[in-house]
């Protein structure tokens, strides 16, 4: 499972540094939505440079892929982060 998140690069009182926006079954689905939201936010807030929209493999799924890889499985082990900053 992939998580679409916004990562705040500065401290904002009352908000976590990382906020989950949505979950997706595949990296491709998450990236499509990440691109759409990222471009819309860049257009709406052109002077704001204190956030990143990213797709992150859920912690449990990432650990499961690492275990499969260590056991000799041919399943790919993907990186946990695929950040894109729209600036």
PDB file of N, CA and C in Angstrom:
ATOM      1  N   UNK A   1       0.838  -1.168   0.000  1.00  0.00           N
ATOM      2  CA  UNK A   1       0.000   0.000   0.000  1.00  0.00           C
ATOM      3  C   UNK A   1       0.889   1.239   0.000  1.00  0.00           C
ATOM      4  N   UNK A   2       0.535   2.189  -0.829  1.00  0.00           N
ATOM      5  CA  UNK A   2       1.272   3.446  -0.933  1.00  0.00           C
ATOM      6  C   UNK A   2       0.471   4.561  -0.296  1.00  0.00           C
ATOM      7  N   UNK A   3       1.171   5.442   0.383  1.00  0.00           N
ATOM      8  CA  UNK A   3       0.549   6.577   1.058  1.00  0.00           C
ATOM      9  C   UNK A   3       0.934   7.856   0.338  1.00  0.00           C
ATOM     10  N   UNK A   4      -0.056   8.664   0.035  1.00  0.00           N
ATOM     11  CA  UNK A   4       0.200   9.996  -0.492  1.00  0.00           C
ATOM     12  C   UNK A   4       0.252  10.920   0.715  1.00  0.00           C
ATOM     13  N   UNK A   5       1.367  11.609   0.884  1.00  0.00           N
ATOM     14  CA  UNK A   5       1.562  12.438   2.070  1.00  0.00           C
ATOM     15  C   UNK A   5       2.004  13.839   1.676  1.00  0.00           C
ATOM     16  N   UNK A   6       1.756  14.765   2.580  1.00  0.00           N
ATOM     17  CA  UNK A   6       2.350  16.092   2.475  1.00  0.00           C
ATOM     18  C   UNK A   6       3.310  16.218   3.648  1.00  0.00           C
ATOM     19  N   UNK A   7       4.522  16.629   3.355  1.00  0.00           N
ATOM     20  CA  UNK A   7       5.552  16.795   4.376  1.00  0.00           C
ATOM     21  C   UNK A   7       5.790  18.290   4.545  1.00  0.00           C
ATOM     22  N   UNK A   8       5.544  18.773   5.746  1.00  0.00           N
ATOM     23  CA  UNK A   8       5.752  20.188   6.039  1.00  0.00           C
ATOM     24  C   UNK A   8       7.215  20.397   6.409  1.00  0.00           C
ATOM     25  N   UNK A   9       7.869  21.305   5.717  1.00  0.00           N
ATOM     26  CA  UNK A   9       9.294  21.549   5.939  1.00  0.00           C
ATOM     27  C   UNK A   9       9.560  22.584   7.017  1.00  0.00           C
ATOM     28  N   UNK A  10       8.509  23.232   7.490  1.00  0.00           N
ATOM     29  CA  UNK A  10       8.651  24.161   8.608  1.00  0.00           C
ATOM     30  C   UNK A  10       7.613  23.794   9.663  1.00  0.00           C
ATOM     31  N   UNK A  11       7.869  24.224  10.867  1.00  0.00           N
ATOM     32  CA  UNK A  11       6.945  23.922  11.961  1.00  0.00           C
ATOM     33  C   UNK A  11       5.677  24.758  11.840  1.00  0.00           C
ATOM     34  N   UNK A  12       4.547  24.064  11.899  1.00  0.00           N
ATOM     35  CA  UNK A  12       3.248  24.729  11.878  1.00  0.00           C
ATOM     36  C   UNK A  12       2.507  24.268  13.131  1.00  0.00           C
ATOM     37  N   UNK A  13       2.244  25.171  14.069  1.00  0.00           N
ATOM     38  CA  UNK A  13       1.562  24.775  15.303  1.00  0.00           C
ATOM     39  C   UNK A  13       0.241  24.057  15.012  1.00  0.00           C
ATOM     40  N   UNK A  14       0.062  22.927  15.665  1.00  0.00           N
ATOM     41  CA  UNK A  14      -1.167  22.170  15.515  1.00  0.00           C
ATOM     42  C   UNK A  14      -1.160  21.146  14.395  1.00  0.00           C
ATOM     43  N   UNK A  15      -0.085  21.063  13.621  1.00  0.00           N
ATOM     44  CA  UNK A  15       0.007  20.105  12.519  1.00  0.00           C
ATOM     45  C   UNK A  15       1.208  19.195  12.702  1.00  0.00           C
ATOM     46  N   UNK A  16       1.057  17.923  12.297  1.00  0.00           N
ATOM     47  CA  UNK A  16       2.185  16.999  12.265  1.00  0.00           C
ATOM     48  C   UNK A  16       3.074  17.366  11.091  1.00  0.00           C
ATOM     49  N   UNK A  17       4.340  16.925  11.133  1.00  0.00           N
ATOM     50  CA  UNK A  17       5.267  17.180  10.040  1.00  0.00           C
ATOM     51  C   UNK A  17       4.852  16.443   8.773  1.00  0.00           C
ATOM     52  N   UNK A  18       4.222  15.257   8.934  1.00  0.00           N
ATOM     53  CA  UNK A  18       3.776  14.481   7.795  1.00  0.00           C
ATOM     54  C   UNK A  18       2.291  14.184   7.964  1.00  0.00           C
ATOM     55  N   UNK A  19       1.529  14.470   6.924  1.00  0.00           N
ATOM     56  CA  UNK A  19       0.085  14.264   6.970  1.00  0.00           C
ATOM     57  C   UNK A  19      -0.315  13.342   5.828  1.00  0.00           C
ATOM     58  N   UNK A  20      -1.004  12.250   6.157  1.00  0.00           N
ATOM     59  CA  UNK A  20      -1.462  11.323   5.128  1.00  0.00           C
ATOM     60  C   UNK A  20      -2.677  11.918   4.437  1.00  0.00           C
ATOM     61  N   UNK A  21      -2.612  11.959   3.095  1.00  0.00           N
ATOM     62  CA  UNK A  21      -3.724  12.484   2.321  1.00  0.00           C
ATOM     63  C   UNK A  21      -4.618  11.374   1.779  1.00  0.00           C
ATOM     64  N   UNK A  22      -4.013  10.248   1.354  1.00  0.00           N
ATOM     65  CA  UNK A  22      -4.776   9.163   0.738  1.00  0.00           C
ATOM     66  C   UNK A  22      -3.900   7.914   0.661  1.00  0.00           C
ATOM     67  N   UNK A  23      -4.522   6.770   0.423  1.00  0.00           N
ATOM     68  CA  UNK A  23      -3.779   5.523   0.218  1.00  0.00           C
ATOM     69  C   UNK A  23      -4.096   4.979  -1.163  1.00  0.00           C
ATOM     70  N   UNK A  24      -3.112   4.272  -1.751  1.00  0.00           N
ATOM     71  CA  UNK A  24      -3.246   3.698  -3.091  1.00  0.00           C
ATOM     72  C   UNK A  24      -2.637   2.307  -3.101  1.00  0.00           C
ATOM     73  N   UNK A  25      -3.135   1.482  -3.999  1.00  0.00           N
ATOM     74  CA  UNK A  25      -2.647   0.114  -4.109  1.00  0.00           C
ATOM     75  C   UNK A  25      -1.294   0.046  -4.806  1.00  0.00           C
ATOM     76  N   UNK A  26      -1.041   0.952  -5.742  1.00  0.00           N
ATOM     77  CA  UNK A  26       0.212   0.890  -6.505  1.00  0.00           C
ATOM     78  C   UNK A  26       0.933   2.227  -6.473  1.00  0.00           C
ATOM     79  N   UNK A  27       2.218   2.155  -6.744  1.00  0.00           N
ATOM     80  CA  UNK A  27       3.038   3.352  -6.829  1.00  0.00           C
ATOM     81  C   UNK A  27       2.566   4.260  -7.957  1.00  0.00           C
ATOM     82  N   UNK A  28       2.191   3.667  -9.076  1.00  0.00           N
ATOM     83  CA  UNK A  28       1.762   4.443 -10.235  1.00  0.00           C
ATOM     84  C   UNK A  28       0.514   5.277  -9.923  1.00  0.00           C
ATOM     85  N   UNK A  29      -0.465   4.668  -9.246  1.00  0.00           N
ATOM     86  CA  UNK A  29      -1.674   5.408  -8.873  1.00  0.00           C
ATOM     87  C   UNK A  29      -1.334   6.586  -7.968  1.00  0.00           C
ATOM     88  N   UNK A  30      -0.453   6.335  -7.025  1.00  0.00           N
ATOM     89  CA  UNK A  30      -0.058   7.381  -6.081  1.00  0.00           C
ATOM     90  C   UNK A  30       0.673   8.514  -6.802  1.00  0.00           C
ATOM     91  N   UNK A  31       1.561   8.159  -7.719  1.00  0.00           N
ATOM     92  CA  UNK A  31       2.331   9.177  -8.429  1.00  0.00           C
ATOM     93  C   UNK A  31       1.455  10.065  -9.302  1.00  0.00           C
ATOM     94  N   UNK A  32       0.441   9.480  -9.927  1.00  0.00           N
ATOM     95  CA  UNK A  32      -0.478  10.273 -10.748  1.00  0.00           C
ATOM     96  C   UNK A  32      -1.160  11.339  -9.894  1.00  0.00           C
ATOM     97  N   UNK A  33      -1.662  10.926  -8.745  1.00  0.00           N
ATOM     98  CA  UNK A  33      -2.342  11.873  -7.859  1.00  0.00           C
ATOM     99  C   UNK A  33      -1.355  12.865  -7.243  1.00  0.00           C
ATOM    100  N   UNK A  34      -0.156  12.400  -6.908  1.00  0.00           N
ATOM    101  CA  UNK A  34       0.883  13.295  -6.374  1.00  0.00           C
ATOM    102  C   UNK A  34       1.169  14.407  -7.371  1.00  0.00           C
ATOM    103  N   UNK A  35       1.315  14.039  -8.635  1.00  0.00           N
ATOM    104  CA  UNK A  35       1.594  15.047  -9.660  1.00  0.00           C
ATOM    105  C   UNK A  35       0.441  16.045  -9.786  1.00  0.00           C
ATOM    106  N   UNK A  36      -0.781  15.544  -9.809  1.00  0.00           N
ATOM    107  CA  UNK A  36      -1.942  16.416  -9.952  1.00  0.00           C
ATOM    108  C   UNK A  36      -2.025  17.411  -8.790  1.00  0.00           C
ATOM    109  N   UNK A  37      -1.929  16.909  -7.576  1.00  0.00           N
ATOM    110  CA  UNK A  37      -2.027  17.776  -6.400  1.00  0.00           C
ATOM    111  C   UNK A  37      -0.837  18.731  -6.329  1.00  0.00           C
ATOM    112  N   UNK A  38       0.348  18.218  -6.612  1.00  0.00           N
ATOM    113  CA  UNK A  38       1.534  19.060  -6.563  1.00  0.00           C
ATOM    114  C   UNK A  38       1.470  20.231  -7.514  1.00  0.00           C
ATOM    115  N   UNK A  39       1.037  19.986  -8.740  1.00  0.00           N
ATOM    116  CA  UNK A  39       0.930  21.075  -9.714  1.00  0.00           C
ATOM    117  C   UNK A  39      -0.169  22.061  -9.342  1.00  0.00           C
ATOM    118  N   UNK A  40      -1.289  21.557  -8.837  1.00  0.00           N
ATOM    119  CA  UNK A  40      -2.367  22.462  -8.425  1.00  0.00           C
ATOM    120  C   UNK A  40      -1.930  23.334  -7.248  1.00  0.00           C
ATOM    121  N   UNK A  41      -1.213  22.747  -6.296  1.00  0.00           N
ATOM    122  CA  UNK A  41      -0.755  23.543  -5.146  1.00  0.00           C
ATOM    123  C   UNK A  41       0.305  24.550  -5.571  1.00  0.00           C
ATOM    124  N   UNK A  42       1.166  24.169  -6.509  1.00  0.00           N
ATOM    125  CA  UNK A  42       2.187  25.095  -6.993  1.00  0.00           C
ATOM    126  C   UNK A  42       1.539  26.293  -7.687  1.00  0.00           C
ATOM    127  N   UNK A  43       0.460  26.029  -8.422  1.00  0.00           N
ATOM    128  CA  UNK A  43      -0.244  27.121  -9.093  1.00  0.00           C
ATOM    129  C   UNK A  43      -0.991  27.997  -8.089  1.00  0.00           C
ATOM    130  N   UNK A  44      -1.599  27.377  -7.097  1.00  0.00           N
ATOM    131  CA  UNK A  44      -2.390  28.119  -6.112  1.00  0.00           C
ATOM    132  C   UNK A  44      -1.522  28.887  -5.114  1.00  0.00           C
ATOM    133  N   UNK A  45      -0.359  28.340  -4.790  1.00  0.00           N
ATOM    134  CA  UNK A  45       0.531  28.941  -3.781  1.00  0.00           C
ATOM    135  C   UNK A  45       1.942  29.075  -4.357  1.00  0.00           C
ATOM    136  N   UNK A  46       2.144  29.950  -5.334  1.00  0.00           N
ATOM    137  CA  UNK A  46       3.434  30.019  -6.029  1.00  0.00           C
ATOM    138  C   UNK A  46       4.613  30.447  -5.160  1.00  0.00           C
ATOM    139  N   UNK A  47       4.355  31.130  -4.065  1.00  0.00           N
ATOM    140  CA  UNK A  47       5.450  31.603  -3.212  1.00  0.00           C
ATOM    141  C   UNK A  47       5.693  30.714  -1.998  1.00  0.00           C
ATOM    142  N   UNK A  48       4.909  29.673  -1.836  1.00  0.00           N
ATOM    143  CA  UNK A  48       5.074  28.754  -0.709  1.00  0.00           C
ATOM    144  C   UNK A  48       6.059  27.656  -1.080  1.00  0.00           C
ATOM    145  N   UNK A  49       7.115  27.516  -0.302  1.00  0.00           N
ATOM    146  CA  UNK A  49       8.132  26.507  -0.581  1.00  0.00           C
ATOM    147  C   UNK A  49       8.440  25.681   0.660  1.00  0.00           C
ATOM    148  N   UNK A  50       7.410  25.510   1.493  1.00  0.00           N
ATOM    149  CA  UNK A  50       7.661  24.827   2.756  1.00  0.00           C
ATOM    150  C   UNK A  50       6.901  23.503   2.883  1.00  0.00           C
ATOM    151  N   UNK A  51       6.664  22.847   1.736  1.00  0.00           N
ATOM    152  CA  UNK A  51       6.022  21.541   1.765  1.00  0.00           C
ATOM    153  C   UNK A  51       6.499  20.696   0.589  1.00  0.00           C
ATOM    154  N   UNK A  52       6.354  19.403   0.742  1.00  0.00           N
ATOM    155  CA  UNK A  52       6.653  18.446  -0.327  1.00  0.00           C
ATOM    156  C   UNK A  52       5.486  17.467  -0.377  1.00  0.00           C
ATOM    157  N   UNK A  53       5.011  17.166  -1.575  1.00  0.00           N
ATOM    158  CA  UNK A  53       4.001  16.134  -1.770  1.00  0.00           C
ATOM    159  C   UNK A  53       4.770  14.880  -2.191  1.00  0.00           C
ATOM    160  N   UNK A  54       4.523  13.757  -1.516  1.00  0.00           N
ATOM    161  CA  UNK A  54       5.315  12.557  -1.777  1.00  0.00           C
ATOM    162  C   UNK A  54       4.470  11.293  -1.683  1.00  0.00           C
ATOM    163  N   UNK A  55       4.963  10.256  -2.349  1.00  0.00           N
ATOM    164  CA  UNK A  55       4.397   8.918  -2.203  1.00  0.00           C
ATOM    165  C   UNK A  55       5.357   8.109  -1.338  1.00  0.00           C
ATOM    166  N   UNK A  56       4.815   7.453  -0.342  1.00  0.00           N
ATOM    167  CA  UNK A  56       5.631   6.664   0.582  1.00  0.00           C
ATOM    168  C   UNK A  56       5.033   5.276   0.699  1.00  0.00           C
ATOM    169  N   UNK A  57       5.883   4.279   0.555  1.00  0.00           N
ATOM    170  CA  UNK A  57       5.446   2.907   0.780  1.00  0.00           C
ATOM    171  C   UNK A  57       5.151   2.750   2.257  1.00  0.00           C
ATOM    172  N   UNK A  58       4.006   2.153   2.580  1.00  0.00           N
ATOM    173  CA  UNK A  58       3.659   2.011   3.995  1.00  0.00           C
ATOM    174  C   UNK A  58       4.727   1.195   4.711  1.00  0.00           C
ATOM    175  N   UNK A  59       4.937   1.485   5.968  1.00  0.00           N
ATOM    176  CA  UNK A  59       5.999   0.851   6.748  1.00  0.00           C
ATOM    177  C   UNK A  59       5.882  -0.662   6.744  1.00  0.00           C
ATOM    178  N   UNK A  60       4.680  -1.193   6.952  1.00  0.00           N
ATOM    179  CA  UNK A  60       4.505  -2.644   6.985  1.00  0.00           C
ATOM    180  C   UNK A  60       4.822  -3.283   5.640  1.00  0.00           C
ATOM    181  N   UNK A  61       4.387  -2.660   4.553  1.00  0.00           N
ATOM    182  CA  UNK A  61       4.655  -3.198   3.217  1.00  0.00           C
ATOM    183  C   UNK A  61       6.148  -3.138   2.911  1.00  0.00           C
ATOM    184  N   UNK A  62       6.802  -2.049   3.290  1.00  0.00           N
ATOM    185  CA  UNK A  62       8.238  -1.904   3.049  1.00  0.00           C
ATOM    186  C   UNK A  62       9.017  -2.986   3.791  1.00  0.00           C
ATOM    187  N   UNK A  63       8.663  -3.223   5.045  1.00  0.00           N
ATOM    188  CA  UNK A  63       9.334  -4.275   5.818  1.00  0.00           C
ATOM    189  C   UNK A  63       9.106  -5.637   5.192  1.00  0.00           C
ATOM    190  N   UNK A  64       7.875  -5.900   4.724  1.00  0.00           N
ATOM    191  CA  UNK A  64       7.579  -7.199   4.098  1.00  0.00           C
ATOM    192  C   UNK A  64       8.418  -7.391   2.837  1.00  0.00           C
ATOM    193  N   UNK A  65       8.594  -6.356   2.051  1.00  0.00           N
ATOM    194  CA  UNK A  65       9.415  -6.466   0.836  1.00  0.00           C
ATOM    195  C   UNK A  65      10.883  -6.698   1.189  1.00  0.00           C
ATOM    196  N   UNK A  66      11.362  -6.048   2.229  1.00  0.00           N
ATOM    197  CA  UNK A  66      12.752  -6.279   2.650  1.00  0.00           C
ATOM    198  C   UNK A  66      12.951  -7.720   3.102  1.00  0.00           C
ATOM    199  N   UNK A  67      11.988  -8.250   3.848  1.00  0.00           N
ATOM    200  CA  UNK A  67      12.081  -9.641   4.311  1.00  0.00           C
ATOM    201  C   UNK A  67      12.064 -10.589   3.122  1.00  0.00           C
ATOM    202  N   UNK A  68      11.166 -10.375   2.163  1.00  0.00           N
ATOM    203  CA  UNK A  68      11.111 -11.226   0.973  1.00  0.00           C
ATOM    204  C   UNK A  68      12.429 -11.174   0.213  1.00  0.00           C
ATOM    205  N   UNK A  69      13.011  -9.997   0.103  1.00  0.00           N
ATOM    206  CA  UNK A  69      14.276  -9.859  -0.607  1.00  0.00           C
ATOM    207  C   UNK A  69      15.394 -10.597   0.127  1.00  0.00           C
ATOM    208  N   UNK A  70      15.397 -10.496   1.446  1.00  0.00           N
ATOM    209  CA  UNK A  70      16.420 -11.177   2.237  1.00  0.00           C
ATOM    210  C   UNK A  70      16.285 -12.690   2.142  1.00  0.00           C
ATOM    211  N   UNK A  71      15.057 -13.161   1.913  1.00  0.00           N
ATOM    212  CA  UNK A  71      14.820 -14.598   1.800  1.00  0.00           C
ATOM    213  C   UNK A  71      15.029 -15.106   0.377  1.00  0.00           C
ATOM    214  N   UNK A  72      15.465 -14.236  -0.523  1.00  0.00           N
ATOM    215  CA  UNK A  72      15.770 -14.663  -1.879  1.00  0.00           C
ATOM    216  C   UNK A  72      14.641 -14.514  -2.873  1.00  0.00           C
ATOM    217  N   UNK A  73      13.566 -13.854  -2.498  1.00  0.00           N
ATOM    218  CA  UNK A  73      12.455 -13.632  -3.418  1.00  0.00           C
ATOM    219  C   UNK A  73      12.887 -12.677  -4.520  1.00  0.00           C
ATOM    220  N   UNK A  74      12.314 -12.827  -5.676  1.00  0.00           N
ATOM    221  CA  UNK A  74      12.637 -11.935  -6.784  1.00  0.00           C
ATOM    222  C   UNK A  74      11.735 -10.707  -6.823  1.00  0.00           C
ATOM    223  N   UNK A  75      10.877 -10.557  -5.827  1.00  0.00           N
ATOM    224  CA  UNK A  75      10.006  -9.383  -5.765  1.00  0.00           C
ATOM    225  C   UNK A  75      10.863  -8.140  -5.565  1.00  0.00           C
ATOM    226  N   UNK A  76      10.569  -7.066  -6.275  1.00  0.00           N
ATOM    227  CA  UNK A  76      11.395  -5.857  -6.156  1.00  0.00           C
ATOM    228  C   UNK A  76      11.253  -5.196  -4.789  1.00  0.00           C
ATOM    229  N   UNK A  77      12.333  -4.634  -4.335  1.00  0.00           N
ATOM    230  CA  UNK A  77      12.315  -3.842  -3.106  1.00  0.00           C
ATOM    231  C   UNK A  77      12.428  -2.398  -3.541  1.00  0.00           C
ATOM    232  N   UNK A  78      11.346  -1.665  -3.381  1.00  0.00           N
ATOM    233  CA  UNK A  78      11.305  -0.277  -3.812  1.00  0.00           C
ATOM    234  C   UNK A  78      11.665   0.628  -2.653  1.00  0.00           C
ATOM    235  N   UNK A  79      12.221   1.777  -2.994  1.00  0.00           N
ATOM    236  CA  UNK A  79      12.538   2.749  -1.958  1.00  0.00           C
ATOM    237  C   UNK A  79      11.282   3.243  -1.268  1.00  0.00           C
ATOM    238  N   UNK A  80      11.436   3.659  -0.044  1.00  0.00           N
ATOM    239  CA  UNK A  80      10.279   4.073   0.736  1.00  0.00           C
ATOM    240  C   UNK A  80       9.782   5.459   0.351  1.00  0.00           C
ATOM    241  N   UNK A  81      10.642   6.282  -0.224  1.00  0.00           N
ATOM    242  CA  UNK A  81      10.240   7.653  -0.540  1.00  0.00           C
ATOM    243  C   UNK A  81      10.394   7.936  -2.007  1.00  0.00           C
ATOM    244  N   UNK A  82       9.470   8.679  -2.537  1.00  0.00           N
ATOM    245  CA  UNK A  82       9.557   9.197  -3.899  1.00  0.00           C
ATOM    246  C   UNK A  82       9.088  10.644  -3.853  1.00  0.00           C
ATOM    247  N   UNK A  83       9.879  11.502  -3.228  1.00  0.00           N
ATOM    248  CA  UNK A  83       9.405  12.875  -3.061  1.00  0.00           C
ATOM    249  C   UNK A  83       9.543  13.708  -4.321  1.00  0.00           C
ATOM    250  N   UNK A  84       8.661  14.633  -4.480  1.00  0.00           N
ATOM    251  CA  UNK A  84       8.746  15.612  -5.561  1.00  0.00           C
ATOM    252  C   UNK A  84       8.378  16.950  -4.966  1.00  0.00           C
ATOM    253  N   UNK A  85       9.259  17.895  -5.122  1.00  0.00           N
ATOM    254  CA  UNK A  85       8.962  19.261  -4.669  1.00  0.00           C
ATOM    255  C   UNK A  85       8.615  20.102  -5.889  1.00  0.00           C
ATOM    256  N   UNK A  86       7.539  20.829  -5.831  1.00  0.00           N
ATOM    257  CA  UNK A  86       7.120  21.683  -6.935  1.00  0.00           C
ATOM    258  C   UNK A  86       7.467  23.115  -6.584  1.00  0.00           C
ATOM    259  N   UNK A  87       8.589  23.554  -7.135  1.00  0.00           N
ATOM    260  CA  UNK A  87       9.064  24.898  -6.784  1.00  0.00           C
ATOM    261  C   UNK A  87       9.511  25.621  -8.010  1.00  0.00           C
TER     262      UNK A  87
END
